[in-house]
Amino acid sequence: MHADPLNDGFPLAILAKAPVPGRVKTRLTPTFAPETAARLHEQLLRQTLTVALAATPAHRIVLWTSLEHGHPLFVEFAERHGISLRPQPEGDLGVRMFTALEAMGAPGLLVGSDCPVLAPQLLADCHAALAHHDGVLLPAEDGGYALVGLRAPCQAFFTDIAWGSDRVLAQTLARADSLGWRLAQPARVWDVDRPEDVARWQSQDTSP
């Protein structure tokens, strides 16, 4: 509905935790109460979905859920927008990302719900980069990345990475080199992980 009328959009996966107090955005506490942190997480997830829907049609979007797969927020998203819900598999972050990308059956993108500076045009640019690169990443200021897309998903790309550390991006780029892959990096972004990130987020107009 929002996509280029000349095509059918592109596959987009969103990794989403249910907004359960005490289980999400734990690095925001004790500055924020667990309930407040969960509400901020929900706001970020809603914003991410709004951007996604402006970039590609709802039927191309899959929300990969965790913590509470049947959470009312997820049900609302599916019923209101027509997106698909699938439970994240067991395993580390690499396993979950590879599974989501492989399930697309075509080159697509995967994002989390922590990056408030994602925009529809940036997503479109990232997907377009897959026509000329083996993969695309949006490096994050914390040493990780906020988006990954692969032309042909390969599990080796996601193995032996120190997930959650500031070495994720460097290790991933090194892995790409070892595979002989060319990666596009259209922009550098930032995530909401710490209390100071919340102030940065709330001071910016990041509407799509």
Protein backbone atom coordinates (compact mmCIF):
# COMPACT_ATOMS: atom_id res chain seq x y z
CA MET A 1 0.00 0.00 0.00
CA HIS A 2 2.88 2.37 0.70
CA ALA A 3 5.37 0.61 -1.55
CA ASP A 4 6.54 1.57 -4.99
CA PRO A 5 3.62 0.70 -7.29
CA LEU A 6 6.08 -0.79 -9.77
CA ASN A 7 6.97 -3.58 -7.37
CA ASP A 8 5.63 -5.52 -4.42
CA GLY A 9 7.93 -4.09 -1.81
CA PHE A 10 10.50 -6.28 -0.09
CA PRO A 11 10.58 -8.78 2.79
CA LEU A 12 11.18 -7.19 6.20
CA ALA A 13 11.58 -9.00 9.50
CA ILE A 14 11.36 -7.29 12.89
CA LEU A 15 12.73 -8.96 16.02
CA ALA A 16 10.35 -7.96 18.81
CA LYS A 17 10.23 -8.69 22.50
CA ALA A 18 6.89 -8.36 24.25
CA PRO A 19 6.84 -5.25 26.50
CA VAL A 20 7.03 -7.19 29.77
CA PRO A 21 8.20 -5.07 32.73
CA GLY A 22 11.50 -6.31 34.09
CA ARG A 23 12.24 -8.29 30.92
CA VAL A 24 12.87 -5.50 28.39
CA LYS A 25 15.13 -2.43 28.41
CA THR A 26 16.69 -3.55 31.69
CA ARG A 27 19.68 -1.26 31.13
CA LEU A 28 17.30 1.70 31.58
CA THR A 29 16.69 0.74 35.20
CA PRO A 30 16.95 1.98 37.91
CA THR A 31 16.81 5.40 36.19
CA PHE A 32 13.41 4.31 34.87
CA ALA A 33 11.01 2.00 36.67
CA PRO A 34 10.54 -1.38 34.96
CA GLU A 35 6.99 -0.40 33.93
CA THR A 36 8.25 2.84 32.38
CA ALA A 37 11.04 1.02 30.57
CA ALA A 38 8.47 -1.41 29.16
CA ARG A 39 6.32 1.49 27.94
CA LEU A 40 9.34 3.05 26.23
CA HIS A 41 10.05 -0.30 24.59
CA GLU A 42 6.46 -0.43 23.33
CA GLN A 43 6.77 3.09 21.91
CA LEU A 44 9.93 2.11 20.06
CA LEU A 45 8.28 -1.02 18.69
CA ARG A 46 5.24 0.95 17.50
CA GLN A 47 7.52 3.49 15.82
CA THR A 48 9.53 0.73 14.14
CA LEU A 49 6.37 -0.84 12.75
CA THR A 50 5.11 2.54 11.48
CA VAL A 51 8.37 3.03 9.58
CA ALA A 52 8.23 -0.52 8.26
CA LEU A 53 4.68 -0.09 6.96
CA ALA A 54 5.72 3.10 5.17
CA ALA A 55 8.56 1.23 3.45
CA THR A 56 6.97 -2.06 2.35
CA PRO A 57 3.47 -3.61 2.28
CA ALA A 58 2.13 -5.25 5.43
CA HIS A 59 2.03 -8.71 3.84
CA ARG A 60 5.82 -8.54 3.39
CA ILE A 61 6.41 -7.86 7.11
CA VAL A 62 6.95 -10.58 9.72
CA LEU A 63 7.16 -9.77 13.42
CA TRP A 64 9.33 -12.40 15.09
CA THR A 65 8.14 -12.45 18.70
CA SER A 66 9.75 -13.39 22.00
CA LEU A 67 8.94 -13.47 25.73
CA GLU A 68 5.14 -13.67 25.25
CA HIS A 69 4.19 -14.71 21.71
CA GLY A 70 0.50 -14.04 22.33
CA HIS A 71 0.97 -10.64 23.95
CA PRO A 72 -1.97 -8.28 23.27
CA LEU A 73 0.35 -5.80 21.54
CA PHE A 74 1.38 -8.41 18.99
CA VAL A 75 -2.24 -9.44 18.45
CA GLU A 76 -3.16 -5.78 17.91
CA PHE A 77 -0.42 -5.36 15.31
CA ALA A 78 -1.52 -8.46 13.40
CA GLU A 79 -5.23 -7.62 13.45
CA ARG A 80 -4.87 -3.91 12.71
CA HIS A 81 -2.18 -4.06 10.06
CA GLY A 82 -2.27 -7.58 8.63
CA ILE A 83 1.35 -8.39 9.38
CA SER A 84 2.44 -11.94 10.17
CA LEU A 85 3.59 -13.15 13.59
CA ARG A 86 6.12 -15.92 14.09
CA PRO A 87 7.85 -17.03 17.30
CA GLN A 88 11.59 -16.57 17.45
CA PRO A 89 13.37 -19.94 17.60
CA GLU A 90 15.56 -21.12 20.43
CA GLY A 91 19.21 -20.16 20.14
CA ASP A 92 21.43 -17.12 20.26
CA LEU A 93 20.84 -13.91 18.36
CA GLY A 94 22.73 -15.21 15.35
CA VAL A 95 20.47 -18.26 15.07
CA ARG A 96 17.36 -16.09 15.36
CA MET A 97 18.52 -13.60 12.73
CA PHE A 98 19.58 -16.30 10.27
CA THR A 99 16.24 -18.09 10.71
CA ALA A 100 14.27 -14.91 10.00
CA LEU A 101 16.30 -14.02 6.91
CA GLU A 102 16.28 -17.56 5.51
CA ALA A 103 12.50 -17.79 5.94
CA MET A 104 12.00 -14.88 3.52
CA GLY A 105 12.87 -16.89 0.45
CA ALA A 106 14.15 -13.71 -1.23
CA PRO A 107 16.66 -10.98 -0.37
CA GLY A 108 15.26 -8.94 2.50
CA LEU A 109 16.04 -6.94 5.61
CA LEU A 110 15.96 -7.59 9.34
CA VAL A 111 15.77 -4.95 12.06
CA GLY A 112 15.31 -4.81 15.80
CA SER A 113 13.03 -2.37 17.57
CA ASP A 114 15.63 -0.24 19.33
CA CYS A 115 16.67 2.18 16.57
CA PRO A 116 14.55 5.36 16.46
CA VAL A 117 16.34 6.87 13.45
CA LEU A 118 15.24 4.25 10.95
CA ALA A 119 13.24 5.86 8.15
CA PRO A 120 11.31 4.45 5.18
CA GLN A 121 13.77 5.82 2.62
CA LEU A 122 16.73 4.41 4.54
CA LEU A 123 15.10 0.97 4.52
CA ALA A 124 14.45 1.28 0.79
CA ASP A 125 18.07 2.32 0.20
CA CYS A 126 19.31 -0.65 2.22
CA HIS A 127 17.24 -3.08 0.22
CA ALA A 128 18.33 -1.49 -3.05
CA ALA A 129 21.96 -2.02 -2.01
CA LEU A 130 21.40 -5.78 -2.13
CA ALA A 131 21.25 -5.57 -5.93
CA HIS A 132 24.97 -4.80 -5.99
CA HIS A 133 26.28 -6.19 -2.69
CA ASP A 134 26.22 -9.52 -0.88
CA GLY A 135 24.81 -7.85 2.21
CA VAL A 136 23.95 -4.59 3.88
CA LEU A 137 24.45 -3.39 7.46
CA LEU A 138 23.57 -0.25 9.39
CA PRO A 139 26.45 0.10 11.88
CA ALA A 140 25.44 1.38 15.30
CA GLU A 141 27.43 3.73 17.51
CA ASP A 142 27.68 1.07 20.25
CA GLY A 143 29.73 -1.28 18.07
CA GLY A 144 26.83 -3.41 16.85
CA TYR A 145 24.40 -2.94 14.01
CA ALA A 146 20.70 -2.07 13.76
CA LEU A 147 19.88 -3.67 10.41
CA VAL A 148 21.15 -6.57 8.36
CA GLY A 149 20.16 -7.75 4.92
CA LEU A 150 21.67 -10.58 2.90
CA ARG A 151 21.25 -11.57 -0.72
CA ALA A 152 21.74 -15.23 0.19
CA PRO A 153 21.58 -15.95 3.97
CA CYS A 154 24.46 -18.04 5.28
CA GLN A 155 24.58 -19.36 8.84
CA ALA A 156 28.37 -18.98 8.99
CA PHE A 157 27.90 -15.20 8.79
CA PHE A 158 26.26 -15.27 12.22
CA THR A 159 28.42 -17.81 14.08
CA ASP A 160 31.12 -17.12 16.69
CA ILE A 161 30.04 -13.49 17.19
CA ALA A 162 30.17 -11.96 20.68
CA TRP A 163 26.53 -10.82 20.67
CA GLY A 164 25.77 -7.93 23.00
CA SER A 165 29.37 -6.69 23.00
CA ASP A 166 31.01 -3.71 21.31
CA ARG A 167 32.86 -6.15 19.03
CA VAL A 168 29.83 -7.33 17.05
CA LEU A 169 30.32 -5.03 14.07
CA ALA A 170 34.07 -5.60 13.81
CA GLN A 171 33.67 -9.37 14.06
CA THR A 172 30.86 -9.32 11.50
CA LEU A 173 32.90 -7.30 9.01
CA ALA A 174 35.80 -9.68 9.48
CA ARG A 175 33.47 -12.61 8.85
CA ALA A 176 32.22 -10.97 5.65
CA ASP A 177 35.83 -10.59 4.51
CA SER A 178 36.51 -14.26 5.19
CA LEU A 179 33.47 -15.18 3.07
CA GLY A 180 34.60 -12.86 0.29
CA TRP A 181 31.44 -10.76 0.66
CA ARG A 182 30.96 -7.08 -0.19
CA LEU A 183 28.79 -5.29 2.36
CA ALA A 184 27.09 -1.92 1.92
CA GLN A 185 26.87 0.40 4.95
CA PRO A 186 24.57 3.27 3.87
CA ALA A 187 24.42 5.05 7.24
CA ARG A 188 25.57 4.97 10.85
CA VAL A 189 22.79 4.92 13.43
CA TRP A 190 22.21 4.61 17.16
CA ASP A 191 20.01 2.56 19.47
CA VAL A 192 18.08 3.31 22.64
CA ASP A 193 19.87 1.22 25.26
CA ARG A 194 20.82 3.59 28.07
CA PRO A 195 19.03 6.40 29.95
CA GLU A 196 20.94 9.08 28.01
CA ASP A 197 19.68 7.51 24.76
CA VAL A 198 16.10 8.08 25.88
CA ALA A 199 16.74 11.82 26.23
CA ARG A 200 18.39 11.87 22.80
CA TRP A 201 15.44 10.03 21.27
CA GLN A 202 12.80 12.23 22.87
CA SER A 203 14.59 15.40 21.79
CA GLN A 204 14.48 14.46 18.11
CA ASP A 205 11.68 14.41 15.58
CA THR A 206 12.04 10.93 14.13
CA SER A 207 8.61 10.59 12.59
CA PRO A 208 8.68 8.87 9.19
